[in-house]
Amino acid sequence: MSALRGMGEERDLAFLETLLGGRGLLGPGDDAALLPGRRREAGRAGQLLATMDPVVEGRHFLSSAAPRDIGQKLVGRNFSDLAAMAALPEVVLVSFVFGPTWTFRRRCALYRAVAHEVAEYGAGWIGGDVAGVEGPSVFSLTALGRCPGRPIPRDGLRNGDFLHVSGPLGGAPYTKRHLRVKARITLAQELSRTYPLHAMIDLSDGLALDLGRMLQASSKGGQPLLGAELFEGGVPVHRSAQRSPLARGPLGPLAAALGDGEDFELCFGLSAQASRRLQGDSQFSKILRQPIGRVCGGPGLVLRKKDGSGIRLAEEGYLHELP
């Protein structure tokens, strides 16, 4: 749960995007994949999406973590991917691979926690598998969801778009916030119904890295290279950001908001006109209504100071290290 500078998983993800047919709504590259086929199945309207994320002992949770917290994170991080696409969760499949320290009583506590969280979002748990291993525990969840309207991709940012986030950022890995994930399902539905969102992503790996991914995806396919400027004082910083080692640097707690990850808030872009309308919309929180930055031409991230000067920001965040 720290900021990493290496390429890590990015190289593998780029290879897989090419292997599986390039990015786009029918393949890899978004928070969830749109399943090809009819828009109406069994009398239900909307497009069907799928996502899958694991939680790994020693990486996403400690062995001492309570089963209820592990279950909340497992469900919440997957449903957060669906929220980023403006989808409603419908059903899940869950795989439990337990390490040797998991007693029957503790396993049942985790099962109950997952069942409770899935039901809290109005979804159903339809199956999966259980196994044991001598090493660390690994729990994986596959979630299927349906978009009542248009799925919101991450590759739709346009030059001049304003950027917003749904809540304060930073410090989550150093508190229980990284476990107690609440996916912004309802908020994503309200936003997508009311505003023409161009792009959206959930902030699992840090604002700087995830926003960089949005900009890179939006610059593909012959589109002009895009960057973004973040407004000084615009990025909402969580009070727990002070606990992050990144907060000891020259940017202070803002660096934690940019790079810690595990916030699971939504970041989205929309036109300047729509942003002005959102800024006056009292049905949403003050944090969400305040723009954090603006998309501009030319690659990279810049912190735009109040005096007009800029500081180049590294697109760094949490990356899984791979061999």
C-alpha atoms as a PDB file:
ATOM      1  CA  MET A   1       0.000   0.000   0.000  1.00  0.00           C
ATOM      2  CA  SER A   2       2.599   2.503  -1.059  1.00  0.00           C
ATOM      3  CA  ALA A   3       3.482   4.603  -4.063  1.00  0.00           C
ATOM      4  CA  LEU A   4       5.607   2.681  -6.564  1.00  0.00           C
ATOM      5  CA  ARG A   5       7.707   4.170  -9.345  1.00  0.00           C
ATOM      6  CA  GLY A   6       8.144   1.127 -11.594  1.00  0.00           C
ATOM      7  CA  MET A   7       5.949   0.109 -14.499  1.00  0.00           C
ATOM      8  CA  GLY A   8       4.673  -2.928 -12.606  1.00  0.00           C
ATOM      9  CA  GLU A   9       1.300  -4.067 -13.895  1.00  0.00           C
ATOM     10  CA  GLU A  10       1.049  -1.394 -16.615  1.00  0.00           C
ATOM     11  CA  ARG A  11       3.246  -3.340 -19.049  1.00  0.00           C
ATOM     12  CA  ASP A  12       1.177  -6.488 -18.572  1.00  0.00           C
ATOM     13  CA  LEU A  13      -2.104  -4.608 -18.963  1.00  0.00           C
ATOM     14  CA  ALA A  14      -0.907  -3.011 -22.200  1.00  0.00           C
ATOM     15  CA  PHE A  15       0.046  -6.459 -23.565  1.00  0.00           C
ATOM     16  CA  LEU A  16      -3.343  -7.905 -22.562  1.00  0.00           C
ATOM     17  CA  GLU A  17      -5.232  -5.044 -24.212  1.00  0.00           C
ATOM     18  CA  THR A  18      -3.453  -5.848 -27.470  1.00  0.00           C
ATOM     19  CA  LEU A  19      -3.898  -9.607 -27.054  1.00  0.00           C
ATOM     20  CA  LEU A  20      -7.614  -9.319 -26.373  1.00  0.00           C
ATOM     21  CA  GLY A  21      -8.359  -6.979 -29.236  1.00  0.00           C
ATOM     22  CA  GLY A  22      -7.403  -3.482 -28.102  1.00  0.00           C
ATOM     23  CA  ARG A  23      -9.265  -1.227 -25.721  1.00  0.00           C
ATOM     24  CA  GLY A  24     -12.864  -0.142 -25.966  1.00  0.00           C
ATOM     25  CA  LEU A  25     -16.200  -0.961 -24.394  1.00  0.00           C
ATOM     26  CA  LEU A  26     -16.169  -4.514 -25.755  1.00  0.00           C
ATOM     27  CA  GLY A  27     -12.736  -5.344 -24.384  1.00  0.00           C
ATOM     28  CA  PRO A  28     -10.167  -4.507 -21.729  1.00  0.00           C
ATOM     29  CA  GLY A  29      -9.218  -0.984 -20.749  1.00  0.00           C
ATOM     30  CA  ASP A  30     -12.249   0.247 -18.795  1.00  0.00           C
ATOM     31  CA  ASP A  31     -13.349  -0.365 -15.224  1.00  0.00           C
ATOM     32  CA  ALA A  32     -15.788  -2.983 -16.493  1.00  0.00           C
ATOM     33  CA  ALA A  33     -16.251  -4.781 -19.821  1.00  0.00           C
ATOM     34  CA  LEU A  34     -19.434  -4.448 -21.840  1.00  0.00           C
ATOM     35  CA  LEU A  35     -20.681  -7.881 -22.828  1.00  0.00           C
ATOM     36  CA  PRO A  36     -21.622  -8.156 -26.504  1.00  0.00           C
ATOM     37  CA  GLY A  37     -25.135  -9.193 -27.421  1.00  0.00           C
ATOM     38  CA  ARG A  38     -28.665  -7.927 -27.119  1.00  0.00           C
ATOM     39  CA  ARG A  39     -29.524  -4.919 -25.017  1.00  0.00           C
ATOM     40  CA  ARG A  40     -32.563  -6.712 -23.579  1.00  0.00           C
ATOM     41  CA  GLU A  41     -32.270 -10.079 -21.917  1.00  0.00           C
ATOM     42  CA  ALA A  42     -35.045 -11.882 -20.043  1.00  0.00           C
ATOM     43  CA  GLY A  43     -37.220  -8.798 -20.307  1.00  0.00           C
ATOM     44  CA  ARG A  44     -34.673  -6.498 -18.621  1.00  0.00           C
ATOM     45  CA  ALA A  45     -33.422  -3.327 -20.264  1.00  0.00           C
ATOM     46  CA  GLY A  46     -29.859  -2.116 -20.272  1.00  0.00           C
ATOM     47  CA  GLN A  47     -26.406  -3.206 -21.282  1.00  0.00           C
ATOM     48  CA  LEU A  48     -24.674  -5.930 -19.263  1.00  0.00           C
ATOM     49  CA  LEU A  49     -21.171  -5.359 -17.869  1.00  0.00           C
ATOM     50  CA  ALA A  50     -18.690  -7.556 -16.025  1.00  0.00           C
ATOM     51  CA  THR A  51     -15.727  -6.900 -13.750  1.00  0.00           C
ATOM     52  CA  MET A  52     -13.461  -8.964 -11.502  1.00  0.00           C
ATOM     53  CA  ASP A  53     -10.952  -7.981  -8.810  1.00  0.00           C
ATOM     54  CA  PRO A  54      -9.255 -10.019  -6.062  1.00  0.00           C
ATOM     55  CA  VAL A  55      -8.107  -9.120  -2.571  1.00  0.00           C
ATOM     56  CA  VAL A  56      -4.832 -10.771  -1.538  1.00  0.00           C
ATOM     57  CA  GLU A  57      -3.672 -11.335   2.026  1.00  0.00           C
ATOM     58  CA  GLY A  58      -0.581  -9.276   2.761  1.00  0.00           C
ATOM     59  CA  ARG A  59      -1.312  -6.955  -0.166  1.00  0.00           C
ATOM     60  CA  HIS A  60      -4.889  -5.728   0.184  1.00  0.00           C
ATOM     61  CA  PHE A  61      -5.499  -6.765   3.793  1.00  0.00           C
ATOM     62  CA  LEU A  62      -3.481  -7.997   6.773  1.00  0.00           C
ATOM     63  CA  SER A  63      -3.988 -11.441   8.299  1.00  0.00           C
ATOM     64  CA  SER A  64      -5.347  -9.726  11.428  1.00  0.00           C
ATOM     65  CA  ALA A  65      -8.143  -7.945   9.507  1.00  0.00           C
ATOM     66  CA  ALA A  66     -11.708  -8.700  10.587  1.00  0.00           C
ATOM     67  CA  PRO A  67     -13.719 -10.872   8.160  1.00  0.00           C
ATOM     68  CA  ARG A  68     -16.418  -8.173   7.967  1.00  0.00           C
ATOM     69  CA  ASP A  69     -13.824  -5.657   6.729  1.00  0.00           C
ATOM     70  CA  ILE A  70     -12.357  -8.083   4.190  1.00  0.00           C
ATOM     71  CA  GLY A  71     -15.829  -8.857   2.874  1.00  0.00           C
ATOM     72  CA  GLN A  72     -16.688  -5.184   2.591  1.00  0.00           C
ATOM     73  CA  LYS A  73     -13.527  -4.459   0.630  1.00  0.00           C
ATOM     74  CA  LEU A  74     -13.963  -7.450  -1.682  1.00  0.00           C
ATOM     75  CA  VAL A  75     -17.496  -6.432  -2.622  1.00  0.00           C
ATOM     76  CA  GLY A  76     -16.935  -2.678  -2.500  1.00  0.00           C
ATOM     77  CA  ARG A  77     -13.900  -2.542  -4.790  1.00  0.00           C
ATOM     78  CA  ASN A  78     -15.676  -4.570  -7.477  1.00  0.00           C
ATOM     79  CA  PHE A  79     -18.925  -2.639  -7.229  1.00  0.00           C
ATOM     80  CA  SER A  80     -16.880   0.572  -7.389  1.00  0.00           C
ATOM     81  CA  ASP A  81     -15.778  -0.517 -10.877  1.00  0.00           C
ATOM     82  CA  LEU A  82     -19.430  -0.886 -11.847  1.00  0.00           C
ATOM     83  CA  ALA A  83     -20.201   2.538 -10.358  1.00  0.00           C
ATOM     84  CA  ALA A  84     -17.472   4.053 -12.554  1.00  0.00           C
ATOM     85  CA  MET A  85     -19.362   2.793 -15.615  1.00  0.00           C
ATOM     86  CA  ALA A  86     -22.745   3.965 -14.214  1.00  0.00           C
ATOM     87  CA  ALA A  87     -23.909   0.342 -13.832  1.00  0.00           C
ATOM     88  CA  LEU A  88     -26.102  -1.233 -11.170  1.00  0.00           C
ATOM     89  CA  PRO A  89     -24.784  -4.500  -9.651  1.00  0.00           C
ATOM     90  CA  GLU A  90     -26.952  -7.549 -10.294  1.00  0.00           C
ATOM     91  CA  VAL A  91     -25.159 -10.794  -9.401  1.00  0.00           C
ATOM     92  CA  VAL A  92     -21.747 -11.979  -8.187  1.00  0.00           C
ATOM     93  CA  LEU A  93     -19.619 -15.119  -8.267  1.00  0.00           C
ATOM     94  CA  VAL A  94     -17.033 -15.470  -5.491  1.00  0.00           C
ATOM     95  CA  SER A  95     -13.876 -17.594  -5.229  1.00  0.00           C
ATOM     96  CA  PHE A  96     -12.364 -18.156  -1.762  1.00  0.00           C
ATOM     97  CA  VAL A  97      -8.841 -19.584  -1.507  1.00  0.00           C
ATOM     98  CA  PHE A  98      -8.097 -19.832   2.215  1.00  0.00           C
ATOM     99  CA  GLY A  99      -4.692 -19.966   3.868  1.00  0.00           C
ATOM    100  CA  PRO A 100      -4.033 -22.389   6.741  1.00  0.00           C
ATOM    101  CA  THR A 101      -5.002 -19.994   9.568  1.00  0.00           C
ATOM    102  CA  TRP A 102      -8.641 -19.681   8.523  1.00  0.00           C
ATOM    103  CA  THR A 103     -10.840 -21.708  10.882  1.00  0.00           C
ATOM    104  CA  PHE A 104     -14.347 -22.811   9.917  1.00  0.00           C
ATOM    105  CA  ARG A 105     -15.837 -20.187  12.231  1.00  0.00           C
ATOM    106  CA  ARG A 106     -13.788 -17.390  10.649  1.00  0.00           C
ATOM    107  CA  ARG A 107     -14.582 -18.607   7.125  1.00  0.00           C
ATOM    108  CA  CYS A 108     -18.301 -18.492   7.910  1.00  0.00           C
ATOM    109  CA  ALA A 109     -17.896 -14.947   9.232  1.00  0.00           C
ATOM    110  CA  LEU A 110     -16.412 -13.941   5.876  1.00  0.00           C
ATOM    111  CA  TYR A 111     -19.208 -15.678   3.954  1.00  0.00           C
ATOM    112  CA  ARG A 112     -21.785 -13.785   6.032  1.00  0.00           C
ATOM    113  CA  ALA A 113     -19.965 -10.488   5.469  1.00  0.00           C
ATOM    114  CA  VAL A 114     -19.908 -10.956   1.700  1.00  0.00           C
ATOM    115  CA  ALA A 115     -23.577 -11.971   1.633  1.00  0.00           C
ATOM    116  CA  HIS A 116     -24.505  -8.920   3.704  1.00  0.00           C
ATOM    117  CA  GLU A 117     -22.576  -6.494   1.487  1.00  0.00           C
ATOM    118  CA  VAL A 118     -23.935  -7.939  -1.754  1.00  0.00           C
ATOM    119  CA  ALA A 119     -27.490  -7.681  -0.433  1.00  0.00           C
ATOM    120  CA  GLU A 120     -26.887  -4.094   0.741  1.00  0.00           C
ATOM    121  CA  TYR A 121     -26.448  -3.084  -2.911  1.00  0.00           C
ATOM    122  CA  GLY A 122     -29.533  -4.984  -4.015  1.00  0.00           C
ATOM    123  CA  ALA A 123     -27.543  -7.678  -5.835  1.00  0.00           C
ATOM    124  CA  GLY A 124     -27.526 -11.486  -5.582  1.00  0.00           C
ATOM    125  CA  TRP A 125     -24.787 -14.027  -4.881  1.00  0.00           C
ATOM    126  CA  ILE A 126     -25.244 -16.953  -7.246  1.00  0.00           C
ATOM    127  CA  GLY A 127     -22.176 -19.161  -6.783  1.00  0.00           C
ATOM    128  CA  GLY A 128     -18.401 -19.557  -6.844  1.00  0.00           C
ATOM    129  CA  ASP A 129     -15.819 -21.912  -5.330  1.00  0.00           C
ATOM    130  CA  VAL A 130     -13.888 -22.656  -2.123  1.00  0.00           C
ATOM    131  CA  ALA A 131     -10.353 -24.041  -1.855  1.00  0.00           C
ATOM    132  CA  GLY A 132      -7.378 -24.151   0.495  1.00  0.00           C
ATOM    133  CA  VAL A 133      -3.709 -23.248   0.037  1.00  0.00           C
ATOM    134  CA  GLU A 134      -0.546 -23.285   2.143  1.00  0.00           C
ATOM    135  CA  GLY A 135       0.263 -19.690   1.199  1.00  0.00           C
ATOM    136  CA  PRO A 136      -1.611 -16.379   1.562  1.00  0.00           C
ATOM    137  CA  SER A 137      -5.367 -16.258   1.126  1.00  0.00           C
ATOM    138  CA  VAL A 138      -6.801 -14.903  -2.130  1.00  0.00           C
ATOM    139  CA  PHE A 139     -10.467 -13.956  -2.530  1.00  0.00           C
ATOM    140  CA  SER A 140     -11.852 -13.019  -5.966  1.00  0.00           C
ATOM    141  CA  LEU A 141     -15.243 -11.674  -6.941  1.00  0.00           C
ATOM    142  CA  THR A 142     -16.786 -11.446 -10.391  1.00  0.00           C
ATOM    143  CA  ALA A 143     -19.602  -8.909 -10.597  1.00  0.00           C
ATOM    144  CA  LEU A 144     -22.189  -8.513 -13.332  1.00  0.00           C
ATOM    145  CA  GLY A 145     -24.077  -5.247 -13.578  1.00  0.00           C
ATOM    146  CA  ARG A 146     -26.454  -3.499 -15.917  1.00  0.00           C
ATOM    147  CA  CYS A 147     -26.477   0.091 -17.201  1.00  0.00           C
ATOM    148  CA  PRO A 148     -29.939   1.666 -17.231  1.00  0.00           C
ATOM    149  CA  GLY A 149     -28.531   4.304 -19.581  1.00  0.00           C
ATOM    150  CA  ARG A 150     -25.251   4.817 -21.404  1.00  0.00           C
ATOM    151  CA  PRO A 151     -22.129   3.154 -19.938  1.00  0.00           C
ATOM    152  CA  ILE A 152     -19.598   5.861 -19.037  1.00  0.00           C
ATOM    153  CA  PRO A 153     -16.118   4.944 -20.355  1.00  0.00           C
ATOM    154  CA  ARG A 154     -12.804   6.329 -19.189  1.00  0.00           C
ATOM    155  CA  ASP A 155     -11.667   7.355 -22.679  1.00  0.00           C
ATOM    156  CA  GLY A 156     -14.091  10.193 -23.407  1.00  0.00           C
ATOM    157  CA  LEU A 157     -12.270  13.228 -21.997  1.00  0.00           C
ATOM    158  CA  ARG A 158     -12.101  16.273 -24.291  1.00  0.00           C
ATOM    159  CA  ASN A 159      -9.907  19.344 -24.337  1.00  0.00           C
ATOM    160  CA  GLY A 160     -11.511  21.943 -22.076  1.00  0.00           C
ATOM    161  CA  ASP A 161     -13.445  19.471 -19.913  1.00  0.00           C
ATOM    162  CA  PHE A 162     -13.601  20.197 -16.203  1.00  0.00           C
ATOM    163  CA  LEU A 163     -12.745  17.478 -13.685  1.00  0.00           C
ATOM    164  CA  HIS A 164     -14.592  16.667 -10.468  1.00  0.00           C
ATOM    165  CA  VAL A 165     -14.233  14.054  -7.709  1.00  0.00           C
ATOM    166  CA  SER A 166     -16.875  12.641  -5.393  1.00  0.00           C
ATOM    167  CA  GLY A 167     -14.994  12.912  -2.091  1.00  0.00           C
ATOM    168  CA  PRO A 168     -11.763  13.726  -0.217  1.00  0.00           C
ATOM    169  CA  LEU A 169      -8.600  11.818  -1.089  1.00  0.00           C
ATOM    170  CA  GLY A 170      -5.418  10.577   0.583  1.00  0.00           C
ATOM    171  CA  GLY A 171      -4.379   8.517   3.581  1.00  0.00           C
ATOM    172  CA  ALA A 172      -6.771   5.601   3.025  1.00  0.00           C
ATOM    173  CA  PRO A 173      -4.069   2.867   3.208  1.00  0.00           C
ATOM    174  CA  TYR A 174      -3.065   4.125   6.658  1.00  0.00           C
ATOM    175  CA  THR A 175      -6.556   3.853   8.179  1.00  0.00           C
ATOM    176  CA  LYS A 176      -9.397   1.347   7.865  1.00  0.00           C
ATOM    177  CA  ARG A 177     -10.856   3.431   5.041  1.00  0.00           C
ATOM    178  CA  HIS A 178      -9.107   1.163   2.528  1.00  0.00           C
ATOM    179  CA  LEU A 179     -11.119  -1.767   3.898  1.00  0.00           C
ATOM    180  CA  ARG A 180     -14.471  -0.116   4.469  1.00  0.00           C
ATOM    181  CA  VAL A 181     -15.203   0.611   0.839  1.00  0.00           C
ATOM    182  CA  LYS A 182     -18.600   1.970  -0.093  1.00  0.00           C
ATOM    183  CA  ALA A 183     -19.096   1.989  -3.851  1.00  0.00           C
ATOM    184  CA  ARG A 184     -20.705   5.172  -5.197  1.00  0.00           C
ATOM    185  CA  ILE A 185     -23.443   3.290  -7.042  1.00  0.00           C
ATOM    186  CA  THR A 186     -26.335   5.641  -6.243  1.00  0.00           C
ATOM    187  CA  LEU A 187     -24.275   8.773  -6.833  1.00  0.00           C
ATOM    188  CA  ALA A 188     -23.090   7.517 -10.231  1.00  0.00           C
ATOM    189  CA  GLN A 189     -26.696   6.883 -11.252  1.00  0.00           C
ATOM    190  CA  GLU A 190     -27.780  10.376 -10.176  1.00  0.00           C
ATOM    191  CA  LEU A 191     -24.883  12.014 -12.008  1.00  0.00           C
ATOM    192  CA  SER A 192     -25.285  10.033 -15.226  1.00  0.00           C
ATOM    193  CA  ARG A 193     -29.034  10.731 -15.330  1.00  0.00           C
ATOM    194  CA  THR A 194     -28.596  14.463 -14.782  1.00  0.00           C
ATOM    195  CA  TYR A 195     -25.383  15.378 -16.603  1.00  0.00           C
ATOM    196  CA  PRO A 196     -23.721  14.400 -19.899  1.00  0.00           C
ATOM    197  CA  LEU A 197     -20.608  12.835 -18.384  1.00  0.00           C
ATOM    198  CA  HIS A 198     -17.791  12.433 -20.911  1.00  0.00           C
ATOM    199  CA  ALA A 199     -15.651  10.013 -18.886  1.00  0.00           C
ATOM    200  CA  MET A 200     -15.427   8.513 -15.399  1.00  0.00           C
ATOM    201  CA  ILE A 201     -13.096   6.282 -13.362  1.00  0.00           C
ATOM    202  CA  ASP A 202     -12.929   5.058  -9.789  1.00  0.00           C
ATOM    203  CA  LEU A 203      -9.828   6.141  -7.893  1.00  0.00           C
ATOM    204  CA  SER A 204      -8.307   2.889  -6.677  1.00  0.00           C
ATOM    205  CA  ASP A 205      -4.646   3.585  -7.489  1.00  0.00           C
ATOM    206  CA  GLY A 206      -4.419   7.319  -6.791  1.00  0.00           C
ATOM    207  CA  LEU A 207      -5.701  10.448  -8.525  1.00  0.00           C
ATOM    208  CA  ALA A 208      -2.490  11.174 -10.443  1.00  0.00           C
ATOM    209  CA  LEU A 209      -2.162   7.652 -11.843  1.00  0.00           C
ATOM    210  CA  ASP A 210      -5.853   7.046 -12.555  1.00  0.00           C
ATOM    211  CA  LEU A 211      -6.363  10.477 -14.113  1.00  0.00           C
ATOM    212  CA  GLY A 212      -3.263   9.806 -16.224  1.00  0.00           C
ATOM    213  CA  ARG A 213      -4.922   6.602 -17.420  1.00  0.00           C
ATOM    214  CA  MET A 214      -8.054   8.523 -18.398  1.00  0.00           C
ATOM    215  CA  LEU A 215      -5.996  11.060 -20.328  1.00  0.00           C
ATOM    216  CA  GLN A 216      -3.950   8.382 -22.061  1.00  0.00           C
ATOM    217  CA  ALA A 217      -7.048   6.393 -23.040  1.00  0.00           C
ATOM    218  CA  SER A 218      -8.722   9.567 -24.339  1.00  0.00           C
ATOM    219  CA  SER A 219      -5.644  10.332 -26.463  1.00  0.00           C
ATOM    220  CA  LYS A 220      -5.678   7.047 -28.373  1.00  0.00           C
ATOM    221  CA  GLY A 221      -7.115   6.275 -31.786  1.00  0.00           C
ATOM    222  CA  GLY A 222      -5.646   9.314 -33.521  1.00  0.00           C
ATOM    223  CA  GLN A 223      -6.986  11.773 -30.948  1.00  0.00           C
ATOM    224  CA  PRO A 224      -4.766  14.714 -29.871  1.00  0.00           C
ATOM    225  CA  LEU A 225      -2.615  14.183 -26.796  1.00  0.00           C
ATOM    226  CA  LEU A 226      -4.332  15.414 -23.662  1.00  0.00           C
ATOM    227  CA  GLY A 227      -3.046  16.565 -20.308  1.00  0.00           C
ATOM    228  CA  ALA A 228      -4.632  18.219 -17.293  1.00  0.00           C
ATOM    229  CA  GLU A 229      -4.007  21.044 -14.897  1.00  0.00           C
ATOM    230  CA  LEU A 230      -5.121  20.624 -11.303  1.00  0.00           C
ATOM    231  CA  PHE A 231      -6.112  23.768  -9.434  1.00  0.00           C
ATOM    232  CA  GLU A 232      -4.201  24.697  -6.287  1.00  0.00           C
ATOM    233  CA  GLY A 233      -6.638  24.198  -3.437  1.00  0.00           C
ATOM    234  CA  GLY A 234      -9.058  22.373  -5.719  1.00  0.00           C
ATOM    235  CA  VAL A 235      -8.227  18.752  -4.874  1.00  0.00           C
ATOM    236  CA  PRO A 236     -10.099  17.777  -1.670  1.00  0.00           C
ATOM    237  CA  VAL A 237      -7.664  16.286   0.852  1.00  0.00           C
ATOM    238  CA  HIS A 238      -8.878  13.838   3.505  1.00  0.00           C
ATOM    239  CA  ARG A 239      -7.835  14.521   7.087  1.00  0.00           C
ATOM    240  CA  SER A 240      -6.116  11.113   7.223  1.00  0.00           C
ATOM    241  CA  ALA A 241      -3.736  12.195   4.436  1.00  0.00           C
ATOM    242  CA  GLN A 242      -1.520  13.586   7.209  1.00  0.00           C
ATOM    243  CA  ARG A 243      -0.666   9.981   8.145  1.00  0.00           C
ATOM    244  CA  SER A 244       0.801   9.174   4.746  1.00  0.00           C
ATOM    245  CA  PRO A 245       4.583   9.147   4.209  1.00  0.00           C
ATOM    246  CA  LEU A 246       3.921  11.109   1.007  1.00  0.00           C
ATOM    247  CA  ALA A 247       2.670  14.013   3.139  1.00  0.00           C
ATOM    248  CA  ARG A 248       6.244  14.639   4.339  1.00  0.00           C
ATOM    249  CA  GLY A 249       7.300  15.886   0.901  1.00  0.00           C
ATOM    250  CA  PRO A 250       7.168  19.421  -0.503  1.00  0.00           C
ATOM    251  CA  LEU A 251       3.499  19.145  -1.556  1.00  0.00           C
ATOM    252  CA  GLY A 252       2.434  18.020   1.933  1.00  0.00           C
ATOM    253  CA  PRO A 253      -0.890  16.151   2.271  1.00  0.00           C
ATOM    254  CA  LEU A 254      -1.752  16.994  -1.348  1.00  0.00           C
ATOM    255  CA  ALA A 255       0.874  14.452  -2.422  1.00  0.00           C
ATOM    256  CA  ALA A 256      -1.016  11.777  -0.471  1.00  0.00           C
ATOM    257  CA  ALA A 257      -4.267  12.793  -2.173  1.00  0.00           C
ATOM    258  CA  LEU A 258      -2.532  12.418  -5.531  1.00  0.00           C
ATOM    259  CA  GLY A 259      -0.665   9.169  -4.925  1.00  0.00           C
ATOM    260  CA  ASP A 260      -1.886   7.024  -2.022  1.00  0.00           C
ATOM    261  CA  GLY A 261      -4.785   5.304  -3.769  1.00  0.00           C
ATOM    262  CA  GLU A 262      -7.479   3.093  -2.218  1.00  0.00           C
ATOM    263  CA  ASP A 263      -9.921   6.022  -2.022  1.00  0.00           C
ATOM    264  CA  PHE A 264     -12.552   4.453  -4.316  1.00  0.00           C
ATOM    265  CA  GLU A 265     -14.064   7.853  -5.074  1.00  0.00           C
ATOM    266  CA  LEU A 266     -15.249   8.728  -8.578  1.00  0.00           C
ATOM    267  CA  CYS A 267     -13.386  11.112 -10.868  1.00  0.00           C
ATOM    268  CA  PHE A 268     -15.271  12.357 -13.910  1.00  0.00           C
ATOM    269  CA  GLY A 269     -15.032  14.910 -16.689  1.00  0.00           C
ATOM    270  CA  LEU A 270     -17.712  17.000 -18.347  1.00  0.00           C
ATOM    271  CA  SER A 271     -17.952  20.124 -20.482  1.00  0.00           C
ATOM    272  CA  ALA A 272     -17.347  23.597 -19.066  1.00  0.00           C
ATOM    273  CA  GLN A 273     -21.031  24.411 -19.500  1.00  0.00           C
ATOM    274  CA  ALA A 274     -22.161  21.269 -17.674  1.00  0.00           C
ATOM    275  CA  SER A 275     -19.575  21.893 -14.943  1.00  0.00           C
ATOM    276  CA  ARG A 276     -20.938  25.382 -14.315  1.00  0.00           C
ATOM    277  CA  ARG A 277     -24.427  23.915 -13.965  1.00  0.00           C
ATOM    278  CA  LEU A 278     -23.135  21.242 -11.565  1.00  0.00           C
ATOM    279  CA  GLN A 279     -21.384  23.859  -9.435  1.00  0.00           C
ATOM    280  CA  GLY A 280     -24.776  25.386  -8.649  1.00  0.00           C
ATOM    281  CA  ASP A 281     -26.596  22.080  -8.088  1.00  0.00           C
ATOM    282  CA  SER A 282     -27.323  21.813  -4.362  1.00  0.00           C
ATOM    283  CA  GLN A 283     -28.423  18.161  -4.552  1.00  0.00           C
ATOM    284  CA  PHE A 284     -24.735  17.202  -4.660  1.00  0.00           C
ATOM    285  CA  SER A 285     -22.061  17.775  -2.024  1.00  0.00           C
ATOM    286  CA  LYS A 286     -19.882  20.888  -2.005  1.00  0.00           C
ATOM    287  CA  ILE A 287     -16.809  18.722  -2.618  1.00  0.00           C
ATOM    288  CA  LEU A 288     -18.299  17.116  -5.717  1.00  0.00           C
ATOM    289  CA  ARG A 289     -19.491  20.456  -7.151  1.00  0.00           C
ATOM    290  CA  GLN A 290     -16.045  22.063  -6.914  1.00  0.00           C
ATOM    291  CA  PRO A 291     -13.902  21.386 -10.010  1.00  0.00           C
ATOM    292  CA  ILE A 292     -10.449  20.050  -9.215  1.00  0.00           C
ATOM    293  CA  GLY A 293      -8.933  20.816 -12.597  1.00  0.00           C
ATOM    294  CA  ARG A 294      -9.304  21.051 -16.337  1.00  0.00           C
ATOM    295  CA  VAL A 295      -8.288  18.960 -19.342  1.00  0.00           C
ATOM    296  CA  CYS A 296      -5.884  20.730 -21.688  1.00  0.00           C
ATOM    297  CA  GLY A 297      -3.779  20.044 -24.752  1.00  0.00           C
ATOM    298  CA  GLY A 298      -0.361  18.443 -24.362  1.00  0.00           C
ATOM    299  CA  PRO A 299       0.459  15.414 -22.210  1.00  0.00           C
ATOM    300  CA  GLY A 300       1.145  15.394 -18.483  1.00  0.00           C
ATOM    301  CA  LEU A 301      -0.251  16.761 -15.234  1.00  0.00           C
ATOM    302  CA  VAL A 302       0.416  20.253 -13.893  1.00  0.00           C
ATOM    303  CA  LEU A 303      -0.508  21.795 -10.553  1.00  0.00           C
ATOM    304  CA  ARG A 304      -1.700  25.290 -11.451  1.00  0.00           C
ATOM    305  CA  LYS A 305      -0.820  27.694  -8.647  1.00  0.00           C
ATOM    306  CA  LYS A 306      -3.034  30.653  -7.745  1.00  0.00           C
ATOM    307  CA  ASP A 307      -0.405  33.025  -9.115  1.00  0.00           C
ATOM    308  CA  GLY A 308      -0.619  31.325 -12.514  1.00  0.00           C
ATOM    309  CA  SER A 309       2.640  29.377 -12.284  1.00  0.00           C
ATOM    310  CA  GLY A 310       2.687  25.619 -12.702  1.00  0.00           C
ATOM    311  CA  ILE A 311       4.390  22.626 -11.115  1.00  0.00           C
ATOM    312  CA  ARG A 312       4.813  19.464 -13.188  1.00  0.00           C
ATOM    313  CA  LEU A 313       3.331  16.445 -11.369  1.00  0.00           C
ATOM    314  CA  ALA A 314       4.434  12.843 -11.756  1.00  0.00           C
ATOM    315  CA  GLU A 315       1.685  10.421 -12.801  1.00  0.00           C
ATOM    316  CA  GLU A 316       2.480   8.114  -9.901  1.00  0.00           C
ATOM    317  CA  GLY A 317       0.322   6.028  -7.623  1.00  0.00           C
ATOM    318  CA  TYR A 318      -0.120   2.447  -6.482  1.00  0.00           C
ATOM    319  CA  LEU A 319       1.081  -0.194  -8.951  1.00  0.00           C
ATOM    320  CA  HIS A 320       1.338  -3.927  -8.309  1.00  0.00           C
ATOM    321  CA  GLU A 321       4.912  -5.092  -8.634  1.00  0.00           C
ATOM    322  CA  LEU A 322       5.342  -7.988 -11.060  1.00  0.00           C
ATOM    323  CA  PRO A 323       8.481  -9.990 -11.821  1.00  0.00           C
END
